[in-house]
Amino acid sequence: MASMDEPLDFENEDPLLSSPSLNAKRRKVIGLDDLINDYYREQDKLAKKKSKKATTLKGDNSDEEDDKTKMLSKVVNDCQKQVNKMCTDDDVPLWGQKIFGHQKSALLSELKEPVNCELLQSFKNNELNSFFDLNTDGESFMNGLLMNGWLSKLALARGFVEDSIASWTFHTLLYSSNKELQVAACDFWCKILLSIDEADRPLVRFEWFPTFSKLKNALEAYGYLSDTPDSSVSTTVSTDLGCEGPPENIWSWINIVSACCRFRSVGTIFSASEAADLLAVIVRIYLDRQLQGLSVILNECMQSVISFFSDSEWDFGCKKVAHSVACRIPKDLNCLRIVECISGVGSRSKNLRSQVALQTLILCFNEKVSDGKEILNLLTAMNVKDKNCDFVKLYIYLVLVENWLLCYHSIEERDAVLDLWCKYLRNCSSQITSTDWRSYASKVRNKASYLLQNSTVKEM
């Protein structure tokens, strides 16, 4: 008897029912995290392969890359050297000259207040002195009168200045270390010297006047370097003060020179030769960069000294000043500074600027030439295309000739000189290319083009 669990006969005949049951394993469901992990694993494998490959290539090509780096570095260095050679404007020194060296101490005896002068005696004998109880014996009494302006008022009221007071106030303005006292003494002298009446007569009579020797001695005490164009050389012996540079009293020195020269309308203090020496000093002081703040009073003083000369004296004085200045300045950009500072629209100022430029040009050529025409012949013969051409000097020559021609009086040679001048300008403006990067080459070309254009317009 068949078991109850056995299949029936017809069930065995059915192929679907008779097939064995499948016990296949079900696949696991793949999540998003699994996909991401698989992606990162693949990326790590690729990165390791690339790193291994790069390491292999670097080991094979390291020598070749080092050679390329060295070659590139050499090219860059060569280019830098060429640029430095072409752009050397910074190597050109600025204008400026050492005008004052070591200073000497002032003579203290010259700075002592006058004690027995007539002015003090009048104060002592005055009835008001007992009323106000003025202490005229104190050492600061005269200083007080000077700084408060009463000394100049008393001098104008009395109509004369005795020699002890004149000498004391003059040396005070030149040597005193007290700035307030120095300025007061300078104001006293300027006010007294320039006080005149309607008939151009002085209001105050002097028993004592400043002299050229006194002013010259003051310059020596200030450490003025008079005989050397080299700013690095000092001809002044070191003294007990031990300080160098422009003295504080140079301001008063300049002002008193100006006042003394303007005093000529009523009297003469200096000779024409002495005035020329003073003018040469004034012009040279412009080269001291530490005294640029005094440019205004320097210009006023220069104009006063220029006006000091009579018409018959000026020609001699102008040439003497020009030669003196030219011999004492370096033949570099200081030359241009000098001609620039000799300003003014008057004929004498132009004449002085022209003569200084001419004398400087002659010395630049070591006195191988004697006049401007010979200078222009040498300049036109220069080859500006030469690789050794010094364009800094060429620029200096260009500016100096320009200033010399500002006041050229020779009518007979004027046409020939102007022809040479225009030829020189054409050489500089046309033969120097715009790609020439040498120092001052572009400045020479541009300056020459500008001057040539102006010369052509004037001729038309």
Protein backbone atom coordinates (compact mmCIF):
# COMPACT_ATOMS: atom_id res chain seq x y z
CA MET A 1 0.00 0.00 0.00
CA ALA A 2 1.38 3.25 -1.05
CA SER A 3 2.35 5.85 1.48
CA MET A 4 0.26 8.89 1.88
CA ASP A 5 3.24 11.11 1.15
CA GLU A 6 4.18 9.56 -2.15
CA PRO A 7 3.08 11.31 -5.34
CA LEU A 8 0.17 10.00 -7.28
CA ASP A 9 0.61 8.27 -10.62
CA PHE A 10 -0.49 11.19 -12.76
CA GLU A 11 1.86 13.52 -10.87
CA ASN A 12 4.82 11.47 -11.93
CA GLU A 13 3.78 11.83 -15.55
CA ASP A 14 3.71 15.67 -15.35
CA PRO A 15 7.22 17.03 -16.20
CA LEU A 16 6.74 20.20 -14.26
CA LEU A 17 5.75 18.40 -11.18
CA SER A 18 8.30 15.70 -11.56
CA SER A 19 11.35 18.15 -11.89
CA PRO A 20 13.50 18.26 -8.78
CA SER A 21 13.17 21.32 -6.55
CA LEU A 22 15.84 24.00 -7.04
CA ASN A 23 17.79 25.07 -4.00
CA ALA A 24 19.81 27.81 -5.83
CA LYS A 25 21.32 30.56 -3.72
CA ARG A 26 19.81 33.99 -4.03
CA ARG A 27 22.18 36.89 -5.05
CA LYS A 28 22.91 39.56 -2.48
CA VAL A 29 21.36 43.02 -3.16
CA ILE A 30 24.15 45.59 -4.10
CA GLY A 31 23.80 48.95 -2.31
CA LEU A 32 25.10 52.50 -3.14
CA ASP A 33 27.87 52.25 -0.54
CA ASP A 34 29.24 49.15 -2.23
CA LEU A 35 29.41 50.97 -5.57
CA ILE A 36 31.29 53.90 -4.05
CA ASN A 37 33.80 51.65 -2.30
CA ASP A 38 34.43 49.79 -5.55
CA TYR A 39 35.00 53.12 -7.36
CA TYR A 40 37.58 54.33 -4.84
CA ARG A 41 39.41 51.01 -4.92
CA GLU A 42 39.75 51.30 -8.68
CA GLN A 43 41.01 54.90 -8.39
CA ASP A 44 43.65 53.84 -5.88
CA LYS A 45 44.86 51.13 -8.21
CA LEU A 46 45.13 53.63 -11.11
CA ALA A 47 47.01 56.17 -8.95
CA LYS A 48 49.53 53.52 -7.88
CA LYS A 49 50.11 52.56 -11.48
CA LYS A 50 50.69 56.20 -12.55
CA SER A 51 53.07 56.85 -9.64
CA LYS A 52 55.07 53.77 -10.45
CA LYS A 53 55.25 54.78 -14.11
CA ALA A 54 56.31 58.38 -13.30
CA THR A 55 59.05 57.14 -10.97
CA THR A 56 60.38 54.95 -13.72
CA LEU A 57 60.37 57.82 -16.28
CA LYS A 58 62.05 60.24 -13.84
CA GLY A 59 64.85 57.85 -13.23
CA ASP A 60 65.40 57.53 -16.96
CA ASN A 61 65.15 61.28 -17.89
CA SER A 62 66.60 63.13 -14.81
CA ASP A 63 69.87 64.03 -16.55
CA GLU A 64 68.02 65.50 -19.54
CA GLU A 65 65.77 67.67 -17.33
CA ASP A 66 68.78 68.99 -15.36
CA ASP A 67 70.45 70.03 -18.59
CA LYS A 68 67.33 71.89 -19.72
CA THR A 69 67.08 73.71 -16.35
CA LYS A 70 70.71 74.80 -16.49
CA MET A 71 70.34 76.03 -20.06
CA LEU A 72 67.21 78.03 -19.21
CA SER A 73 68.92 79.59 -16.19
CA LYS A 74 71.91 80.60 -18.32
CA VAL A 75 69.64 82.24 -20.92
CA VAL A 76 67.80 84.22 -18.22
CA ASN A 77 71.09 85.40 -16.68
CA ASP A 78 72.46 86.47 -20.06
CA CYS A 79 69.30 88.45 -20.79
CA GLN A 80 69.49 90.14 -17.40
CA LYS A 81 73.09 91.17 -18.00
CA GLN A 82 72.20 92.67 -21.39
CA VAL A 83 69.30 94.62 -19.91
CA ASN A 84 71.55 95.96 -17.14
CA LYS A 85 74.09 97.14 -19.71
CA MET A 86 71.43 98.87 -21.78
CA CYS A 87 69.63 100.52 -18.86
CA THR A 88 72.39 102.18 -16.84
CA ASP A 89 70.75 105.55 -16.07
CA ASP A 90 70.94 104.71 -12.36
CA ASP A 91 74.73 104.47 -12.66
CA VAL A 92 74.97 108.15 -13.65
CA PRO A 93 75.74 110.12 -10.45
CA LEU A 94 73.39 112.89 -9.42
CA TRP A 95 74.53 116.50 -9.30
CA GLY A 96 76.00 117.69 -6.03
CA GLN A 97 79.37 118.84 -4.76
CA LYS A 98 80.92 119.15 -1.34
CA ILE A 99 81.30 122.91 -0.84
CA PHE A 100 82.03 123.07 2.90
CA GLY A 101 84.44 120.91 4.87
CA HIS A 102 85.51 121.11 8.51
CA GLN A 103 84.50 124.27 10.33
CA LYS A 104 86.73 126.36 12.54
CA SER A 105 85.72 127.91 15.82
CA ALA A 106 84.90 131.61 15.95
CA LEU A 107 87.07 134.09 17.82
CA LEU A 108 85.20 134.59 21.09
CA SER A 109 86.77 138.03 21.52
CA GLU A 110 84.89 139.24 18.44
CA LEU A 111 81.54 138.17 19.97
CA LYS A 112 81.87 140.03 23.29
CA GLU A 113 79.32 142.74 23.84
CA PRO A 114 80.63 146.32 23.82
CA VAL A 115 80.77 147.64 27.38
CA ASN A 116 82.14 151.18 27.07
CA CYS A 117 80.36 152.40 23.97
CA GLU A 118 78.71 155.79 23.76
CA LEU A 119 75.25 154.24 23.47
CA LEU A 120 75.53 152.56 26.85
CA GLN A 121 76.91 155.73 28.44
CA SER A 122 73.89 157.67 27.19
CA PHE A 123 71.61 155.12 28.87
CA LYS A 124 73.51 155.38 32.14
CA ASN A 125 73.41 159.19 32.14
CA ASN A 126 69.76 159.41 31.18
CA GLU A 127 67.37 160.55 33.92
CA LEU A 128 64.87 157.89 32.91
CA ASN A 129 67.39 155.20 33.80
CA SER A 130 66.95 155.91 37.51
CA PHE A 131 63.19 155.90 37.15
CA PHE A 132 62.99 152.55 35.32
CA ASP A 133 66.06 151.12 37.11
CA LEU A 134 67.61 149.74 33.93
CA ASN A 135 70.55 147.42 34.51
CA THR A 136 72.91 148.51 31.72
CA ASP A 137 75.83 146.68 33.27
CA GLY A 138 74.42 143.24 32.59
CA GLU A 139 76.03 141.16 29.87
CA SER A 140 72.69 140.54 28.16
CA PHE A 141 71.61 144.17 27.95
CA MET A 142 72.93 144.71 24.40
CA ASN A 143 71.66 141.29 23.34
CA GLY A 144 68.21 142.30 24.54
CA LEU A 145 68.31 145.58 22.60
CA LEU A 146 69.39 143.72 19.48
CA MET A 147 66.85 140.89 19.62
CA ASN A 148 63.94 143.21 20.48
CA GLY A 149 64.70 145.50 17.54
CA TRP A 150 65.48 148.51 19.73
CA LEU A 151 69.09 148.74 18.60
CA SER A 152 68.15 149.47 14.99
CA LYS A 153 65.54 152.02 16.15
CA LEU A 154 68.12 153.78 18.30
CA ALA A 155 70.61 153.80 15.41
CA LEU A 156 68.04 155.35 13.06
CA ALA A 157 67.02 157.88 15.69
CA ARG A 158 70.63 158.89 16.47
CA GLY A 159 71.72 158.84 12.81
CA PHE A 160 74.94 156.92 13.32
CA VAL A 161 76.36 153.57 14.54
CA GLU A 162 79.66 153.61 16.40
CA ASP A 163 82.37 151.19 15.40
CA SER A 164 82.20 148.93 18.49
CA ILE A 165 78.50 148.22 17.97
CA ALA A 166 78.88 147.81 14.21
CA SER A 167 81.76 145.36 14.61
CA TRP A 168 80.01 143.39 17.36
CA THR A 169 76.72 143.00 15.45
CA PHE A 170 78.55 142.06 12.22
CA HIS A 171 80.60 139.30 13.86
CA THR A 172 77.50 138.12 15.73
CA LEU A 173 75.60 137.49 12.49
CA LEU A 174 78.60 135.64 11.04
CA TYR A 175 79.62 133.48 14.00
CA SER A 176 77.02 133.37 16.76
CA SER A 177 75.58 129.93 17.53
CA ASN A 178 72.44 131.57 18.95
CA LYS A 179 70.00 131.42 16.02
CA GLU A 180 67.74 134.18 17.34
CA LEU A 181 70.66 136.51 18.01
CA GLN A 182 72.20 135.73 14.62
CA VAL A 183 68.97 136.56 12.76
CA ALA A 184 68.49 139.77 14.78
CA ALA A 185 72.02 140.94 13.94
CA CYS A 186 71.47 140.21 10.25
CA ASP A 187 68.17 142.12 10.28
CA PHE A 188 69.92 145.03 12.01
CA TRP A 189 72.56 145.34 9.28
CA CYS A 190 70.16 144.87 6.38
CA LYS A 191 67.80 147.49 7.77
CA ILE A 192 70.54 150.04 8.48
CA LEU A 193 72.40 149.59 5.19
CA LEU A 194 69.28 149.95 3.06
CA SER A 195 67.81 152.94 4.90
CA ILE A 196 67.99 155.98 2.60
CA ASP A 197 66.11 159.24 2.30
CA GLU A 198 64.32 160.68 -0.71
CA ALA A 199 67.62 161.90 -2.15
CA ASP A 200 69.15 158.38 -1.93
CA ARG A 201 71.36 159.41 0.95
CA PRO A 202 71.94 157.03 3.89
CA LEU A 203 69.98 157.75 7.04
CA VAL A 204 72.71 156.30 9.26
CA ARG A 205 76.39 157.15 9.31
CA PHE A 206 78.85 154.32 9.98
CA GLU A 207 82.26 154.47 11.60
CA TRP A 208 82.95 150.84 10.69
CA PHE A 209 81.99 148.90 7.49
CA PRO A 210 82.10 145.22 6.57
CA THR A 211 84.96 144.34 4.27
CA PHE A 212 85.65 141.64 1.70
CA SER A 213 88.44 140.24 3.87
CA LYS A 214 86.01 139.81 6.79
CA LEU A 215 83.57 137.90 4.59
CA LYS A 216 86.38 135.81 3.14
CA ASN A 217 87.64 134.98 6.64
CA ALA A 218 84.13 133.87 7.54
CA LEU A 219 84.08 131.50 4.55
CA GLU A 220 87.38 130.00 5.66
CA ALA A 221 85.95 129.50 9.14
CA TYR A 222 82.94 127.78 7.58
CA GLY A 223 85.29 125.32 5.87
CA TYR A 224 84.69 126.57 2.32
CA LEU A 225 86.51 124.39 -0.25
CA SER A 226 87.70 126.84 -2.85
CA ASP A 227 90.35 125.08 -4.91
CA THR A 228 89.11 121.62 -5.77
CA PRO A 229 86.44 120.41 -8.22
CA ASP A 230 86.54 116.96 -6.63
CA SER A 231 83.83 116.64 -4.00
CA SER A 232 85.70 113.81 -2.33
CA VAL A 233 88.78 115.93 -1.59
CA SER A 234 88.95 118.35 1.31
CA THR A 235 91.62 121.03 1.38
CA THR A 236 90.54 122.37 4.75
CA VAL A 237 92.47 121.17 7.79
CA SER A 238 90.37 119.61 10.55
CA THR A 239 89.87 122.01 13.46
CA ASP A 240 88.73 121.91 17.04
CA LEU A 241 85.02 121.97 16.14
CA GLY A 242 85.28 118.75 14.16
CA CYS A 243 81.95 119.28 12.38
CA GLU A 244 81.45 119.20 8.65
CA GLY A 245 78.93 120.50 6.20
CA PRO A 246 77.20 123.84 5.63
CA PRO A 247 77.33 126.14 8.68
CA GLU A 248 74.13 127.55 10.15
CA ASN A 249 75.46 131.09 9.69
CA ILE A 250 75.67 130.76 5.89
CA TRP A 251 72.12 132.15 5.74
CA SER A 252 73.29 135.41 7.36
CA TRP A 253 76.44 135.48 5.22
CA ILE A 254 74.37 135.36 2.02
CA ASN A 255 71.99 138.07 3.22
CA ILE A 256 74.73 140.47 4.30
CA VAL A 257 76.53 140.06 0.95
CA SER A 258 73.27 140.90 -0.81
CA ALA A 259 72.71 143.99 1.37
CA CYS A 260 76.29 145.24 0.91
CA CYS A 261 75.98 144.98 -2.88
CA ARG A 262 72.68 146.89 -2.89
CA PHE A 263 74.31 149.59 -0.75
CA ARG A 264 76.31 150.69 -3.79
CA SER A 265 73.63 153.22 -4.67
CA VAL A 266 75.00 155.35 -1.82
CA GLY A 267 78.50 153.95 -1.32
CA THR A 268 80.91 151.23 -2.41
CA ILE A 269 82.02 148.51 -0.02
CA PHE A 270 83.64 146.08 -2.51
CA SER A 271 85.76 146.48 -5.60
CA ALA A 272 84.67 144.95 -8.92
CA SER A 273 87.22 142.14 -8.54
CA GLU A 274 86.02 141.36 -5.01
CA ALA A 275 82.40 141.34 -6.16
CA ALA A 276 83.33 138.87 -8.92
CA ASP A 277 84.89 136.55 -6.32
CA LEU A 278 81.75 136.76 -4.18
CA LEU A 279 79.53 136.02 -7.19
CA ALA A 280 81.59 132.91 -8.00
CA VAL A 281 81.08 131.67 -4.43
CA ILE A 282 77.33 132.29 -4.62
CA VAL A 283 77.04 130.33 -7.86
CA ARG A 284 79.04 127.40 -6.48
CA ILE A 285 76.90 127.19 -3.33
CA TYR A 286 74.03 126.06 -5.57
CA LEU A 287 75.83 122.71 -5.92
CA ASP A 288 75.46 121.86 -2.24
CA ARG A 289 72.39 119.63 -2.02
CA GLN A 290 72.03 120.40 1.70
CA LEU A 291 71.41 124.09 0.90
CA GLN A 292 68.57 123.64 -1.58
CA GLY A 293 66.26 125.33 0.93
CA LEU A 294 68.22 128.57 0.44
CA SER A 295 67.57 128.74 -3.31
CA VAL A 296 65.35 131.81 -3.01
CA ILE A 297 67.80 133.98 -1.05
CA LEU A 298 70.68 132.64 -3.17
CA ASN A 299 68.91 133.85 -6.29
CA GLU A 300 68.18 137.23 -4.71
CA CYS A 301 71.82 137.58 -3.66
CA MET A 302 73.09 136.56 -7.11
CA GLN A 303 70.91 139.21 -8.76
CA SER A 304 72.13 141.81 -6.26
CA VAL A 305 75.79 141.04 -6.99
CA ILE A 306 75.16 141.04 -10.76
CA SER A 307 73.54 144.47 -10.44
CA PHE A 308 76.53 145.71 -8.42
CA PHE A 309 78.75 146.01 -11.51
CA SER A 310 78.72 149.09 -13.67
CA ASP A 311 78.41 148.63 -17.44
CA SER A 312 82.14 149.11 -17.89
CA GLU A 313 82.94 146.57 -15.16
CA TRP A 314 80.51 143.84 -16.17
CA ASP A 315 82.40 142.37 -19.13
CA PHE A 316 85.50 141.79 -17.01
CA GLY A 317 83.51 140.56 -14.03
CA CYS A 318 81.41 138.15 -16.10
CA LYS A 319 84.43 136.47 -17.70
CA LYS A 320 86.25 136.22 -14.36
CA VAL A 321 83.26 134.59 -12.67
CA ALA A 322 82.67 132.19 -15.57
CA HIS A 323 86.28 130.99 -15.61
CA SER A 324 86.41 130.69 -11.81
CA VAL A 325 83.21 128.62 -11.65
CA ALA A 326 84.16 126.42 -14.63
CA CYS A 327 87.52 125.56 -13.06
CA ARG A 328 85.93 124.50 -9.79
CA ILE A 329 83.05 122.26 -10.83
CA PRO A 330 83.21 118.60 -11.94
CA LYS A 331 82.59 118.08 -15.66
CA ASP A 332 79.45 116.02 -15.15
CA LEU A 333 75.80 116.78 -14.36
CA ASN A 334 77.01 119.52 -12.02
CA CYS A 335 77.65 121.61 -15.14
CA LEU A 336 73.96 121.43 -16.03
CA ARG A 337 72.95 122.28 -12.47
CA ILE A 338 75.06 125.43 -12.59
CA VAL A 339 73.68 126.80 -15.87
CA GLU A 340 70.17 125.94 -14.69
CA CYS A 341 70.62 127.93 -11.46
CA ILE A 342 71.93 131.04 -13.20
CA SER A 343 68.39 132.15 -13.89
CA GLY A 344 66.87 135.47 -14.81
CA VAL A 345 65.59 137.12 -17.95
CA GLY A 346 67.98 140.06 -17.82
CA SER A 347 70.78 140.40 -20.35
CA ARG A 348 73.47 140.08 -17.67
CA SER A 349 72.05 136.82 -16.32
CA LYS A 350 71.90 135.39 -19.85
CA ASN A 351 75.42 136.62 -20.55
CA LEU A 352 76.76 134.98 -17.38
CA ARG A 353 75.01 131.70 -18.17
CA SER A 354 76.41 131.77 -21.70
CA GLN A 355 79.97 132.46 -20.54
CA VAL A 356 79.87 129.76 -17.85
CA ALA A 357 78.66 127.24 -20.46
CA LEU A 358 81.40 128.25 -22.93
CA GLN A 359 84.22 128.13 -20.38
CA THR A 360 83.00 124.76 -19.14
CA LEU A 361 82.96 123.37 -22.70
CA ILE A 362 86.52 124.57 -23.29
CA LEU A 363 87.68 122.80 -20.13
CA CYS A 364 85.71 119.66 -21.05
CA PHE A 365 87.91 119.39 -24.16
CA ASN A 366 91.05 120.01 -22.09
CA GLU A 367 91.49 123.47 -23.61
CA LYS A 368 92.21 121.98 -27.05
CA VAL A 369 89.73 124.52 -28.39
CA SER A 370 89.59 128.25 -27.90
CA ASP A 371 86.08 129.20 -29.01
CA GLY A 372 82.60 127.82 -29.62
CA LYS A 373 83.08 127.31 -33.36
CA GLU A 374 85.96 124.91 -32.80
CA ILE A 375 83.87 123.07 -30.22
CA LEU A 376 81.03 122.58 -32.72
CA ASN A 377 83.48 121.27 -35.31
CA LEU A 378 84.61 118.61 -32.86
CA LEU A 379 81.05 117.72 -31.92
CA THR A 380 79.86 117.30 -35.50
CA ALA A 381 82.80 114.98 -36.17
CA MET A 382 81.70 112.58 -33.41
CA ASN A 383 80.32 109.20 -34.50
CA VAL A 384 77.17 108.67 -32.46
CA LYS A 385 76.83 105.15 -33.89
CA ASP A 386 80.07 104.07 -32.28
CA LYS A 387 79.39 101.49 -29.56
CA ASN A 388 81.83 103.32 -27.26
CA CYS A 389 80.06 106.68 -27.64
CA ASP A 390 79.51 108.30 -24.23
CA PHE A 391 75.96 109.62 -24.41
CA VAL A 392 76.11 111.14 -20.92
CA LYS A 393 78.91 113.47 -22.03
CA LEU A 394 77.13 114.04 -25.32
CA TYR A 395 74.01 115.16 -23.46
CA ILE A 396 76.08 117.52 -21.29
CA TYR A 397 77.70 119.02 -24.41
CA LEU A 398 74.27 119.44 -25.99
CA VAL A 399 72.85 121.41 -23.06
CA LEU A 400 76.00 123.51 -22.62
CA VAL A 401 76.09 124.52 -26.30
CA GLU A 402 72.40 125.40 -26.10
CA ASN A 403 73.08 127.74 -23.16
CA TRP A 404 76.17 129.20 -24.79
CA LEU A 405 74.16 130.16 -27.89
CA LEU A 406 71.60 132.00 -25.77
CA CYS A 407 73.87 135.03 -25.85
CA TYR A 408 76.10 134.72 -28.93
CA HIS A 409 77.18 138.16 -30.16
CA SER A 410 79.54 137.47 -33.05
CA ILE A 411 77.49 138.61 -36.06
CA GLU A 412 80.27 137.72 -38.54
CA GLU A 413 80.35 134.05 -37.55
CA ARG A 414 76.73 133.65 -36.53
CA ASP A 415 75.53 131.95 -39.75
CA ALA A 416 78.45 129.51 -39.79
CA VAL A 417 77.95 128.66 -36.11
CA LEU A 418 74.21 128.09 -36.55
CA ASP A 419 74.85 125.82 -39.55
CA LEU A 420 77.25 123.72 -37.50
CA TRP A 421 74.75 123.66 -34.62
CA CYS A 422 71.93 122.40 -36.85
CA LYS A 423 74.22 119.77 -38.40
CA TYR A 424 75.14 118.52 -34.95
CA LEU A 425 71.47 118.36 -33.94
CA ARG A 426 70.58 116.42 -37.11
CA ASN A 427 73.33 113.90 -36.39
CA CYS A 428 72.04 113.32 -32.87
CA SER A 429 68.36 113.16 -33.79
CA SER A 430 68.61 110.97 -36.92
CA GLN A 431 71.60 108.69 -36.36
CA ILE A 432 70.59 107.52 -32.87
CA THR A 433 67.89 104.87 -33.32
CA SER A 434 64.87 104.46 -31.08
CA THR A 435 66.06 100.93 -30.25
CA ASP A 436 69.34 102.16 -28.81
CA TRP A 437 68.95 101.44 -25.10
CA ARG A 438 72.29 102.76 -24.00
CA SER A 439 72.30 105.21 -21.13
CA TYR A 440 71.13 108.72 -22.13
CA ALA A 441 70.84 107.76 -25.82
CA SER A 442 67.12 108.50 -25.90
CA LYS A 443 67.63 111.76 -23.97
CA VAL A 444 70.21 112.96 -26.49
CA ARG A 445 67.97 112.03 -29.44
CA ASN A 446 64.84 113.65 -27.97
CA LYS A 447 66.67 116.80 -26.83
CA ALA A 448 68.33 117.20 -30.23
CA SER A 449 65.02 116.71 -32.07
CA TYR A 450 63.34 119.34 -29.92
CA LEU A 451 66.14 121.88 -30.37
CA LEU A 452 66.33 121.20 -34.10
CA GLN A 453 62.62 121.82 -34.48
CA ASN A 454 62.89 125.11 -32.58
CA SER A 455 65.92 126.20 -34.66
CA THR A 456 64.03 125.45 -37.88
CA VAL A 457 61.00 127.43 -36.73
CA LYS A 458 63.16 130.44 -35.83
CA GLU A 459 64.89 130.40 -39.22
CA MET A 460 61.52 130.35 -40.99
